[in-house]
Amino acid sequence: MRSDRIEGAHLQVRHCELLFFHSEWLQPREIRGYFQIDDFSSPRCPSVAKATIMTAAYGTAEAVPLQSVKPCYVSNTLLPKLQEIFQRTYRELRPRAPLPEFRIEFYAFANVNSTIRVREAIVYARISDLLEGAPETVLEAIAHILLAKIYRKPIAPLHSTRYRRYVSSHDISAKAQRVRQLRGRKRIAFAQGEVYDLDQIFEELNQRFFHGLLGRPQMTWSQAHARRSLAHYDPAHNAIVVSRAFDHPRVPRYAVEYIVYHEMLHLKHPVKLRGSRRCVHGAAFQAEEKLFPELERAKAFLKRL
């Protein structure tokens, strides 16, 4: 759950992660970071993708990368084909530029991520090992999206749609969730805060609105006092994380209850697909959200933050 007023994207540059918001977007002259395919349809900045460890749908406030070295490898079978695909795509996007050297490998990401960077005229690309068995047309779409991002070219809708449909398919989504559970880690701190107990709030809301039928996930306050990322539900780790900024005497209980209630609706109404698009807040979700009696009052308070 993010504030309606702010839309953000992560850009990982060298060894630090910077957070830019569209309202104050920065265009670095030299980008040496990793672009990861999470959201390649930003209307204001089509050349920059979200560099996140977890997909945007599940939030990134508490997503933690594995600290151990992740294995990466080059597929002897697919390497020539991938090299050809990247070279051909590069020629389509930059017909007059000299052809760089490509170093491509599959990498054990904690999600369906792919990254690209350019260093000393060498293009390094890492593709999620979940995509090793993808059709050639999907690999072409990945190459097009990555190269278009790094060289700031427009992305063809055909490729973006093809990629979205493939990674959003039931088979790949199920595999990705299992991979997140195995490779990813989640920081679970505590449900009992200084002012509010998230477990207690969940149980009270469960009885009031869901007849006590929802199984309680792991409830935790975030590590940081984030104000732009209010909360998120992570289905891979079955956890609801609420920003610690709301565990404060000045924050009214109805605001915290609304935040938890919103994430409980995500638990009840999982993300669905409409064609190649993901539907996060569907009609049923929005209808149930309106049942919260302090809805407008809570939204008004959150907008003032």
C-alpha atoms as a PDB file:
ATOM      1  CA  MET A   1       0.000   0.000   0.000  1.00  0.00           C
ATOM      2  CA  ARG A   2       1.540   3.271  -1.091  1.00  0.00           C
ATOM      3  CA  SER A   3       0.467   6.860  -0.652  1.00  0.00           C
ATOM      4  CA  ASP A   4      -1.778   7.962  -3.522  1.00  0.00           C
ATOM      5  CA  ARG A   5       0.192  11.190  -3.827  1.00  0.00           C
ATOM      6  CA  ILE A   6       3.590   9.688  -4.528  1.00  0.00           C
ATOM      7  CA  GLU A   7       4.688   7.249  -7.162  1.00  0.00           C
ATOM      8  CA  GLY A   8       8.247   6.048  -6.899  1.00  0.00           C
ATOM      9  CA  ALA A   9      10.871   3.844  -8.446  1.00  0.00           C
ATOM     10  CA  HIS A  10      14.122   2.432  -7.200  1.00  0.00           C
ATOM     11  CA  LEU A  11      17.364   2.930  -9.082  1.00  0.00           C
ATOM     12  CA  GLN A  12      20.383   1.001  -7.887  1.00  0.00           C
ATOM     13  CA  VAL A  13      23.606   2.845  -8.752  1.00  0.00           C
ATOM     14  CA  ARG A  14      26.928   1.169  -8.065  1.00  0.00           C
ATOM     15  CA  HIS A  15      26.846  -0.081  -4.465  1.00  0.00           C
ATOM     16  CA  CYS A  16      24.140   2.136  -3.050  1.00  0.00           C
ATOM     17  CA  GLU A  17      20.405   2.293  -3.654  1.00  0.00           C
ATOM     18  CA  LEU A  18      18.854   5.675  -4.296  1.00  0.00           C
ATOM     19  CA  LEU A  19      15.141   6.362  -4.233  1.00  0.00           C
ATOM     20  CA  PHE A  20      13.845   8.825  -6.775  1.00  0.00           C
ATOM     21  CA  PHE A  21      10.267  10.011  -7.015  1.00  0.00           C
ATOM     22  CA  HIS A  22       8.656  11.085 -10.239  1.00  0.00           C
ATOM     23  CA  SER A  23       7.911  14.501  -8.762  1.00  0.00           C
ATOM     24  CA  GLU A  24      11.632  15.199  -8.518  1.00  0.00           C
ATOM     25  CA  TRP A  25      13.108  12.790 -11.036  1.00  0.00           C
ATOM     26  CA  LEU A  26      16.826  12.872 -11.723  1.00  0.00           C
ATOM     27  CA  GLN A  27      18.424  11.831 -14.996  1.00  0.00           C
ATOM     28  CA  PRO A  28      22.053  10.865 -14.267  1.00  0.00           C
ATOM     29  CA  ARG A  29      24.439  11.451 -17.156  1.00  0.00           C
ATOM     30  CA  GLU A  30      26.253   8.199 -16.599  1.00  0.00           C
ATOM     31  CA  ILE A  31      24.318   5.240 -15.272  1.00  0.00           C
ATOM     32  CA  ARG A  32      26.375   2.336 -14.025  1.00  0.00           C
ATOM     33  CA  GLY A  33      23.706   0.513 -12.075  1.00  0.00           C
ATOM     34  CA  TYR A  34      21.555  -2.496 -12.706  1.00  0.00           C
ATOM     35  CA  PHE A  35      18.206  -2.123 -14.387  1.00  0.00           C
ATOM     36  CA  GLN A  36      15.760  -4.816 -13.427  1.00  0.00           C
ATOM     37  CA  ILE A  37      12.562  -5.557 -15.290  1.00  0.00           C
ATOM     38  CA  ASP A  38       9.832  -4.824 -12.785  1.00  0.00           C
ATOM     39  CA  ASP A  39       8.009  -1.867 -14.249  1.00  0.00           C
ATOM     40  CA  PHE A  40       8.921  -0.749 -17.735  1.00  0.00           C
ATOM     41  CA  SER A  41       5.873   1.392 -18.483  1.00  0.00           C
ATOM     42  CA  SER A  42       6.608   4.530 -16.512  1.00  0.00           C
ATOM     43  CA  PRO A  43       4.907   7.390 -18.404  1.00  0.00           C
ATOM     44  CA  ARG A  44       7.269  10.054 -17.098  1.00  0.00           C
ATOM     45  CA  CYS A  45      10.556   8.252 -17.337  1.00  0.00           C
ATOM     46  CA  PRO A  46      10.451   5.410 -19.889  1.00  0.00           C
ATOM     47  CA  SER A  47      14.198   4.909 -19.753  1.00  0.00           C
ATOM     48  CA  VAL A  48      14.423   3.838 -16.126  1.00  0.00           C
ATOM     49  CA  ALA A  49      13.039   0.681 -14.559  1.00  0.00           C
ATOM     50  CA  LYS A  50      12.481  -0.159 -10.945  1.00  0.00           C
ATOM     51  CA  ALA A  51      15.539  -1.849  -9.509  1.00  0.00           C
ATOM     52  CA  THR A  52      13.910  -3.800  -6.741  1.00  0.00           C
ATOM     53  CA  ILE A  53      14.561  -7.139  -5.141  1.00  0.00           C
ATOM     54  CA  MET A  54      10.910  -8.038  -4.814  1.00  0.00           C
ATOM     55  CA  THR A  55       8.291  -7.183  -7.389  1.00  0.00           C
ATOM     56  CA  ALA A  56       6.369  -3.991  -6.875  1.00  0.00           C
ATOM     57  CA  ALA A  57       3.143  -5.829  -6.179  1.00  0.00           C
ATOM     58  CA  TYR A  58       4.500  -7.203  -2.939  1.00  0.00           C
ATOM     59  CA  GLY A  59       6.215  -4.033  -1.737  1.00  0.00           C
ATOM     60  CA  THR A  60       9.880  -3.426  -1.182  1.00  0.00           C
ATOM     61  CA  ALA A  61      10.017  -1.803   2.236  1.00  0.00           C
ATOM     62  CA  GLU A  62      11.289  -4.940   3.942  1.00  0.00           C
ATOM     63  CA  ALA A  63      12.453  -7.055   1.040  1.00  0.00           C
ATOM     64  CA  VAL A  64      15.999  -8.144   1.791  1.00  0.00           C
ATOM     65  CA  PRO A  65      18.459  -9.584  -0.741  1.00  0.00           C
ATOM     66  CA  LEU A  66      20.348 -12.748   0.099  1.00  0.00           C
ATOM     67  CA  GLN A  67      23.685 -11.886   1.621  1.00  0.00           C
ATOM     68  CA  SER A  68      25.361 -15.037   0.408  1.00  0.00           C
ATOM     69  CA  VAL A  69      26.844 -15.162  -3.074  1.00  0.00           C
ATOM     70  CA  LYS A  70      24.217 -16.252  -5.552  1.00  0.00           C
ATOM     71  CA  PRO A  71      25.248 -18.682  -8.251  1.00  0.00           C
ATOM     72  CA  CYS A  72      25.282 -17.452 -11.795  1.00  0.00           C
ATOM     73  CA  TYR A  73      26.161 -19.492 -14.815  1.00  0.00           C
ATOM     74  CA  VAL A  74      26.317 -19.393 -18.573  1.00  0.00           C
ATOM     75  CA  SER A  75      24.173 -21.899 -20.415  1.00  0.00           C
ATOM     76  CA  ASN A  76      26.296 -23.589 -23.058  1.00  0.00           C
ATOM     77  CA  THR A  77      23.153 -24.468 -24.983  1.00  0.00           C
ATOM     78  CA  LEU A  78      21.485 -21.057 -24.943  1.00  0.00           C
ATOM     79  CA  LEU A  79      24.536 -18.789 -24.990  1.00  0.00           C
ATOM     80  CA  PRO A  80      24.945 -18.638 -28.783  1.00  0.00           C
ATOM     81  CA  LYS A  81      21.226 -18.017 -29.220  1.00  0.00           C
ATOM     82  CA  LEU A  82      21.188 -15.297 -26.548  1.00  0.00           C
ATOM     83  CA  GLN A  83      24.256 -13.661 -28.032  1.00  0.00           C
ATOM     84  CA  GLU A  84      22.573 -13.594 -31.420  1.00  0.00           C
ATOM     85  CA  ILE A  85      19.338 -12.230 -29.968  1.00  0.00           C
ATOM     86  CA  PHE A  86      21.100  -9.422 -28.083  1.00  0.00           C
ATOM     87  CA  GLN A  87      23.267  -8.525 -31.072  1.00  0.00           C
ATOM     88  CA  ARG A  88      20.292  -8.442 -33.416  1.00  0.00           C
ATOM     89  CA  THR A  89      18.232  -6.382 -30.972  1.00  0.00           C
ATOM     90  CA  TYR A  90      21.121  -3.973 -30.463  1.00  0.00           C
ATOM     91  CA  ARG A  91      21.368  -3.462 -34.221  1.00  0.00           C
ATOM     92  CA  GLU A  92      17.637  -2.725 -34.394  1.00  0.00           C
ATOM     93  CA  LEU A  93      17.859  -0.129 -31.623  1.00  0.00           C
ATOM     94  CA  ARG A  94      21.238   1.399 -32.543  1.00  0.00           C
ATOM     95  CA  PRO A  95      21.920   0.685 -36.225  1.00  0.00           C
ATOM     96  CA  ARG A  96      24.868   3.120 -36.543  1.00  0.00           C
ATOM     97  CA  ALA A  97      26.628   2.388 -33.267  1.00  0.00           C
ATOM     98  CA  PRO A  98      29.514  -0.095 -33.085  1.00  0.00           C
ATOM     99  CA  LEU A  99      28.506  -3.504 -31.797  1.00  0.00           C
ATOM    100  CA  PRO A 100      29.715  -4.000 -28.200  1.00  0.00           C
ATOM    101  CA  GLU A 101      30.796  -7.213 -26.561  1.00  0.00           C
ATOM    102  CA  PHE A 102      27.986  -9.032 -24.757  1.00  0.00           C
ATOM    103  CA  ARG A 103      28.418 -11.125 -21.634  1.00  0.00           C
ATOM    104  CA  ILE A 104      25.166 -12.861 -20.765  1.00  0.00           C
ATOM    105  CA  GLU A 105      24.458 -15.301 -17.967  1.00  0.00           C
ATOM    106  CA  PHE A 106      21.574 -16.793 -16.054  1.00  0.00           C
ATOM    107  CA  TYR A 107      21.414 -15.777 -12.405  1.00  0.00           C
ATOM    108  CA  ALA A 108      19.616 -17.161  -9.362  1.00  0.00           C
ATOM    109  CA  PHE A 109      17.660 -14.064  -8.436  1.00  0.00           C
ATOM    110  CA  ALA A 110      15.037 -14.166  -5.697  1.00  0.00           C
ATOM    111  CA  ASN A 111      12.449 -13.249  -8.307  1.00  0.00           C
ATOM    112  CA  VAL A 112      11.842 -13.084 -12.055  1.00  0.00           C
ATOM    113  CA  ASN A 113      14.362 -10.296 -12.502  1.00  0.00           C
ATOM    114  CA  SER A 114      16.768  -9.458 -15.296  1.00  0.00           C
ATOM    115  CA  THR A 115      19.519  -6.829 -15.110  1.00  0.00           C
ATOM    116  CA  ILE A 116      21.820  -5.035 -17.508  1.00  0.00           C
ATOM    117  CA  ARG A 117      24.774  -2.694 -17.207  1.00  0.00           C
ATOM    118  CA  VAL A 118      27.435  -1.245 -19.489  1.00  0.00           C
ATOM    119  CA  ARG A 119      31.035  -0.963 -18.395  1.00  0.00           C
ATOM    120  CA  GLU A 120      33.992  -0.118 -20.641  1.00  0.00           C
ATOM    121  CA  ALA A 121      32.057  -0.891 -23.841  1.00  0.00           C
ATOM    122  CA  ILE A 122      30.985  -4.297 -22.535  1.00  0.00           C
ATOM    123  CA  VAL A 123      27.299  -5.068 -21.987  1.00  0.00           C
ATOM    124  CA  TYR A 124      26.706  -7.339 -19.009  1.00  0.00           C
ATOM    125  CA  ALA A 125      23.262  -8.950 -18.788  1.00  0.00           C
ATOM    126  CA  ARG A 126      21.912 -11.271 -16.131  1.00  0.00           C
ATOM    127  CA  ILE A 127      18.656 -13.092 -16.754  1.00  0.00           C
ATOM    128  CA  SER A 128      16.673 -14.920 -14.100  1.00  0.00           C
ATOM    129  CA  ASP A 129      17.248 -18.656 -14.244  1.00  0.00           C
ATOM    130  CA  LEU A 130      13.456 -19.025 -14.164  1.00  0.00           C
ATOM    131  CA  LEU A 131      13.481 -17.765 -17.759  1.00  0.00           C
ATOM    132  CA  GLU A 132      15.990 -20.248 -19.110  1.00  0.00           C
ATOM    133  CA  GLY A 133      13.215 -22.310 -20.678  1.00  0.00           C
ATOM    134  CA  ALA A 134      11.328 -19.306 -22.074  1.00  0.00           C
ATOM    135  CA  PRO A 135      10.383 -19.271 -25.778  1.00  0.00           C
ATOM    136  CA  GLU A 136      12.708 -17.410 -28.091  1.00  0.00           C
ATOM    137  CA  THR A 137      10.131 -14.656 -28.593  1.00  0.00           C
ATOM    138  CA  VAL A 138      10.165 -13.985 -24.832  1.00  0.00           C
ATOM    139  CA  LEU A 139      13.963 -13.898 -24.782  1.00  0.00           C
ATOM    140  CA  GLU A 140      13.793 -11.398 -27.636  1.00  0.00           C
ATOM    141  CA  ALA A 141      11.368  -9.296 -25.582  1.00  0.00           C
ATOM    142  CA  ILE A 142      13.736  -9.369 -22.587  1.00  0.00           C
ATOM    143  CA  ALA A 143      16.693  -8.324 -24.739  1.00  0.00           C
ATOM    144  CA  HIS A 144      14.662  -5.507 -26.288  1.00  0.00           C
ATOM    145  CA  ILE A 145      13.432  -4.187 -22.922  1.00  0.00           C
ATOM    146  CA  LEU A 146      16.845  -4.312 -21.260  1.00  0.00           C
ATOM    147  CA  LEU A 147      18.712  -2.696 -24.146  1.00  0.00           C
ATOM    148  CA  ALA A 148      16.020  -0.080 -24.638  1.00  0.00           C
ATOM    149  CA  LYS A 149      16.287   0.799 -20.956  1.00  0.00           C
ATOM    150  CA  ILE A 150      20.036   1.140 -20.829  1.00  0.00           C
ATOM    151  CA  TYR A 151      20.221   3.147 -24.063  1.00  0.00           C
ATOM    152  CA  ARG A 152      17.059   5.163 -23.383  1.00  0.00           C
ATOM    153  CA  LYS A 153      15.046   4.032 -26.340  1.00  0.00           C
ATOM    154  CA  PRO A 154      11.253   3.625 -26.486  1.00  0.00           C
ATOM    155  CA  ILE A 155      10.022   0.137 -25.697  1.00  0.00           C
ATOM    156  CA  ALA A 156       7.833  -1.503 -28.300  1.00  0.00           C
ATOM    157  CA  PRO A 157       4.401  -2.394 -26.842  1.00  0.00           C
ATOM    158  CA  LEU A 158       4.607  -5.821 -28.502  1.00  0.00           C
ATOM    159  CA  HIS A 159       7.663  -6.755 -26.436  1.00  0.00           C
ATOM    160  CA  SER A 160       6.384  -5.328 -23.159  1.00  0.00           C
ATOM    161  CA  THR A 161       3.046  -7.135 -23.552  1.00  0.00           C
ATOM    162  CA  ARG A 162       4.713 -10.393 -24.518  1.00  0.00           C
ATOM    163  CA  TYR A 163       7.006 -10.251 -21.485  1.00  0.00           C
ATOM    164  CA  ARG A 164       4.205  -9.352 -19.089  1.00  0.00           C
ATOM    165  CA  ARG A 165       1.993 -12.168 -20.293  1.00  0.00           C
ATOM    166  CA  TYR A 166       4.733 -14.748 -19.936  1.00  0.00           C
ATOM    167  CA  VAL A 167       5.949 -13.811 -16.444  1.00  0.00           C
ATOM    168  CA  SER A 168       2.360 -13.345 -15.269  1.00  0.00           C
ATOM    169  CA  SER A 169       1.262 -16.780 -16.453  1.00  0.00           C
ATOM    170  CA  HIS A 170       0.116 -19.200 -13.786  1.00  0.00           C
ATOM    171  CA  ASP A 171       3.108 -21.503 -14.219  1.00  0.00           C
ATOM    172  CA  ILE A 172       5.777 -18.799 -13.984  1.00  0.00           C
ATOM    173  CA  SER A 173       3.967 -16.969 -11.174  1.00  0.00           C
ATOM    174  CA  ALA A 174       3.811 -20.173  -9.122  1.00  0.00           C
ATOM    175  CA  LYS A 175       7.508 -20.869  -9.719  1.00  0.00           C
ATOM    176  CA  ALA A 176       8.423 -17.286  -8.855  1.00  0.00           C
ATOM    177  CA  GLN A 177       6.561 -17.456  -5.557  1.00  0.00           C
ATOM    178  CA  ARG A 178       8.336 -20.686  -4.618  1.00  0.00           C
ATOM    179  CA  VAL A 179      11.673 -19.096  -5.525  1.00  0.00           C
ATOM    180  CA  ARG A 180      10.903 -16.064  -3.363  1.00  0.00           C
ATOM    181  CA  GLN A 181      10.183 -18.365  -0.451  1.00  0.00           C
ATOM    182  CA  LEU A 182      13.407 -20.341  -0.930  1.00  0.00           C
ATOM    183  CA  ARG A 183      15.854 -17.608  -1.913  1.00  0.00           C
ATOM    184  CA  GLY A 184      14.390 -14.470  -0.407  1.00  0.00           C
ATOM    185  CA  ARG A 185      14.343 -13.439   3.219  1.00  0.00           C
ATOM    186  CA  LYS A 186      11.923 -11.299   5.183  1.00  0.00           C
ATOM    187  CA  ARG A 187      12.711  -9.218   8.205  1.00  0.00           C
ATOM    188  CA  ILE A 188      10.040 -10.004  10.758  1.00  0.00           C
ATOM    189  CA  ALA A 189      10.506  -7.793  13.801  1.00  0.00           C
ATOM    190  CA  PHE A 190       7.538  -7.686  16.182  1.00  0.00           C
ATOM    191  CA  ALA A 191       3.787  -7.161  16.161  1.00  0.00           C
ATOM    192  CA  GLN A 192       3.634  -5.485  19.565  1.00  0.00           C
ATOM    193  CA  GLY A 193       4.614  -1.861  19.171  1.00  0.00           C
ATOM    194  CA  GLU A 194       4.971   0.881  21.731  1.00  0.00           C
ATOM    195  CA  VAL A 195       1.378   1.995  21.139  1.00  0.00           C
ATOM    196  CA  TYR A 196      -0.400  -0.534  18.932  1.00  0.00           C
ATOM    197  CA  ASP A 197      -0.431  -4.337  18.805  1.00  0.00           C
ATOM    198  CA  LEU A 198      -0.829  -5.449  15.181  1.00  0.00           C
ATOM    199  CA  ASP A 199      -1.871  -8.980  16.134  1.00  0.00           C
ATOM    200  CA  GLN A 200      -4.683  -7.591  18.276  1.00  0.00           C
ATOM    201  CA  ILE A 201      -5.802  -5.185  15.552  1.00  0.00           C
ATOM    202  CA  PHE A 202      -5.811  -7.999  12.984  1.00  0.00           C
ATOM    203  CA  GLU A 203      -7.962 -10.254  15.185  1.00  0.00           C
ATOM    204  CA  GLU A 204     -10.440  -7.472  15.952  1.00  0.00           C
ATOM    205  CA  LEU A 205     -10.799  -6.572  12.263  1.00  0.00           C
ATOM    206  CA  ASN A 206     -11.040 -10.250  11.348  1.00  0.00           C
ATOM    207  CA  GLN A 207     -14.047 -10.670  13.620  1.00  0.00           C
ATOM    208  CA  ARG A 208     -15.699  -7.407  12.552  1.00  0.00           C
ATOM    209  CA  PHE A 209     -15.363  -7.725   8.787  1.00  0.00           C
ATOM    210  CA  PHE A 210     -14.356 -11.287   7.881  1.00  0.00           C
ATOM    211  CA  HIS A 211     -16.291 -13.424  10.413  1.00  0.00           C
ATOM    212  CA  GLY A 212     -12.974 -14.561  11.851  1.00  0.00           C
ATOM    213  CA  LEU A 213     -12.237 -16.638   8.731  1.00  0.00           C
ATOM    214  CA  LEU A 214      -8.936 -15.089   7.639  1.00  0.00           C
ATOM    215  CA  GLY A 215      -5.836 -16.910   8.796  1.00  0.00           C
ATOM    216  CA  ARG A 216      -3.513 -14.476  10.495  1.00  0.00           C
ATOM    217  CA  PRO A 217      -0.244 -13.945   8.621  1.00  0.00           C
ATOM    218  CA  GLN A 218       2.940 -12.785  10.305  1.00  0.00           C
ATOM    219  CA  MET A 219       2.303  -9.256  11.522  1.00  0.00           C
ATOM    220  CA  THR A 220       5.232  -6.911  12.000  1.00  0.00           C
ATOM    221  CA  TRP A 221       6.223  -3.291  12.223  1.00  0.00           C
ATOM    222  CA  SER A 222       8.835  -2.218   9.714  1.00  0.00           C
ATOM    223  CA  GLN A 223      12.443  -1.602  10.628  1.00  0.00           C
ATOM    224  CA  ALA A 224      12.348   2.000   9.388  1.00  0.00           C
ATOM    225  CA  HIS A 225       9.905   4.848   9.988  1.00  0.00           C
ATOM    226  CA  ALA A 226       8.793   4.974   6.358  1.00  0.00           C
ATOM    227  CA  ARG A 227       6.084   7.487   5.501  1.00  0.00           C
ATOM    228  CA  ARG A 228       5.789   6.887   1.774  1.00  0.00           C
ATOM    229  CA  SER A 229       5.480   3.119   1.926  1.00  0.00           C
ATOM    230  CA  LEU A 230       2.647   2.731   4.419  1.00  0.00           C
ATOM    231  CA  ALA A 231       2.364  -1.052   4.453  1.00  0.00           C
ATOM    232  CA  HIS A 232       2.387  -4.113   2.224  1.00  0.00           C
ATOM    233  CA  TYR A 233       1.279  -7.712   2.188  1.00  0.00           C
ATOM    234  CA  ASP A 234       3.901 -10.200   1.022  1.00  0.00           C
ATOM    235  CA  PRO A 235       2.205 -13.454  -0.072  1.00  0.00           C
ATOM    236  CA  ALA A 236       5.517 -15.249  -0.607  1.00  0.00           C
ATOM    237  CA  HIS A 237       6.315 -14.952   3.106  1.00  0.00           C
ATOM    238  CA  ASN A 238       2.701 -14.550   4.273  1.00  0.00           C
ATOM    239  CA  ALA A 239       3.462 -11.345   6.134  1.00  0.00           C
ATOM    240  CA  ILE A 240       1.874  -7.935   6.606  1.00  0.00           C
ATOM    241  CA  VAL A 241       4.401  -5.180   7.275  1.00  0.00           C
ATOM    242  CA  VAL A 242       3.253  -1.787   8.561  1.00  0.00           C
ATOM    243  CA  SER A 243       5.503   1.244   8.725  1.00  0.00           C
ATOM    244  CA  ARG A 244       6.703   1.904  12.256  1.00  0.00           C
ATOM    245  CA  ALA A 245       5.917   5.584  11.706  1.00  0.00           C
ATOM    246  CA  PHE A 246       2.285   4.766  12.575  1.00  0.00           C
ATOM    247  CA  ASP A 247       3.140   3.260  15.968  1.00  0.00           C
ATOM    248  CA  HIS A 248       2.868   6.653  17.610  1.00  0.00           C
ATOM    249  CA  PRO A 249       0.426   8.271  20.074  1.00  0.00           C
ATOM    250  CA  ARG A 250      -0.351  11.034  17.563  1.00  0.00           C
ATOM    251  CA  VAL A 251      -1.598   8.494  15.021  1.00  0.00           C
ATOM    252  CA  PRO A 252      -5.285   7.693  15.638  1.00  0.00           C
ATOM    253  CA  ARG A 253      -6.236   4.048  15.969  1.00  0.00           C
ATOM    254  CA  TYR A 254      -8.695   4.222  13.071  1.00  0.00           C
ATOM    255  CA  ALA A 255      -5.811   5.114  10.711  1.00  0.00           C
ATOM    256  CA  VAL A 256      -3.788   2.078  11.775  1.00  0.00           C
ATOM    257  CA  GLU A 257      -6.890  -0.099  11.536  1.00  0.00           C
ATOM    258  CA  TYR A 258      -7.556   1.121   8.006  1.00  0.00           C
ATOM    259  CA  ILE A 259      -3.971   0.360   6.932  1.00  0.00           C
ATOM    260  CA  VAL A 260      -4.212  -3.171   8.344  1.00  0.00           C
ATOM    261  CA  TYR A 261      -7.705  -3.632   6.885  1.00  0.00           C
ATOM    262  CA  HIS A 262      -6.440  -2.628   3.445  1.00  0.00           C
ATOM    263  CA  GLU A 263      -3.677  -5.236   3.609  1.00  0.00           C
ATOM    264  CA  MET A 264      -6.140  -7.849   4.851  1.00  0.00           C
ATOM    265  CA  LEU A 265      -8.143  -7.231   1.685  1.00  0.00           C
ATOM    266  CA  HIS A 266      -4.998  -8.006  -0.312  1.00  0.00           C
ATOM    267  CA  LEU A 267      -4.829 -11.265   1.612  1.00  0.00           C
ATOM    268  CA  LYS A 268      -8.450 -12.050   0.695  1.00  0.00           C
ATOM    269  CA  HIS A 269      -8.274 -10.744  -2.885  1.00  0.00           C
ATOM    270  CA  PRO A 270      -4.988 -11.819  -4.520  1.00  0.00           C
ATOM    271  CA  VAL A 271      -3.634 -10.032  -7.563  1.00  0.00           C
ATOM    272  CA  LYS A 272      -5.430 -11.095 -10.739  1.00  0.00           C
ATOM    273  CA  LEU A 273      -4.556 -10.791 -14.398  1.00  0.00           C
ATOM    274  CA  ARG A 274      -6.536  -8.901 -17.009  1.00  0.00           C
ATOM    275  CA  GLY A 275      -4.853  -9.737 -20.254  1.00  0.00           C
ATOM    276  CA  SER A 276      -1.240  -8.703 -19.713  1.00  0.00           C
ATOM    277  CA  ARG A 277      -2.079  -6.321 -16.864  1.00  0.00           C
ATOM    278  CA  ARG A 278      -2.131  -7.099 -13.172  1.00  0.00           C
ATOM    279  CA  CYS A 279      -5.257  -6.044 -11.324  1.00  0.00           C
ATOM    280  CA  VAL A 280      -4.257  -5.180  -7.749  1.00  0.00           C
ATOM    281  CA  HIS A 281      -7.407  -3.373  -6.577  1.00  0.00           C
ATOM    282  CA  GLY A 282     -10.295  -5.042  -8.388  1.00  0.00           C
ATOM    283  CA  ALA A 283     -13.989  -4.251  -8.100  1.00  0.00           C
ATOM    284  CA  ALA A 284     -14.548  -6.693  -5.224  1.00  0.00           C
ATOM    285  CA  PHE A 285     -11.557  -5.248  -3.375  1.00  0.00           C
ATOM    286  CA  GLN A 286     -12.792  -1.669  -3.752  1.00  0.00           C
ATOM    287  CA  ALA A 287     -16.347  -2.606  -2.757  1.00  0.00           C
ATOM    288  CA  GLU A 288     -15.161  -4.200   0.474  1.00  0.00           C
ATOM    289  CA  GLU A 289     -12.799  -1.345   1.218  1.00  0.00           C
ATOM    290  CA  LYS A 290     -15.778   1.026   1.262  1.00  0.00           C
ATOM    291  CA  LEU A 291     -17.272  -1.005   4.129  1.00  0.00           C
ATOM    292  CA  PHE A 292     -14.657   0.400   6.495  1.00  0.00           C
ATOM    293  CA  PRO A 293     -16.627   2.992   8.503  1.00  0.00           C
ATOM    294  CA  GLU A 294     -13.742   5.440   8.967  1.00  0.00           C
ATOM    295  CA  LEU A 295     -12.521   5.187   5.365  1.00  0.00           C
ATOM    296  CA  GLU A 296     -12.675   8.851   4.375  1.00  0.00           C
ATOM    297  CA  ARG A 297     -11.450  10.042   7.732  1.00  0.00           C
ATOM    298  CA  ALA A 298      -8.468   7.666   7.599  1.00  0.00           C
ATOM    299  CA  LYS A 299      -7.586   8.673   4.033  1.00  0.00           C
ATOM    300  CA  ALA A 300      -7.763  12.340   4.980  1.00  0.00           C
ATOM    301  CA  PHE A 301      -5.363  11.753   7.870  1.00  0.00           C
ATOM    302  CA  LEU A 302      -2.900   9.820   5.685  1.00  0.00           C
ATOM    303  CA  LYS A 303      -2.905  12.558   3.065  1.00  0.00           C
ATOM    304  CA  ARG A 304      -1.756  15.042   5.672  1.00  0.00           C
ATOM    305  CA  LEU A 305       1.396  13.058   6.427  1.00  0.00           C
END
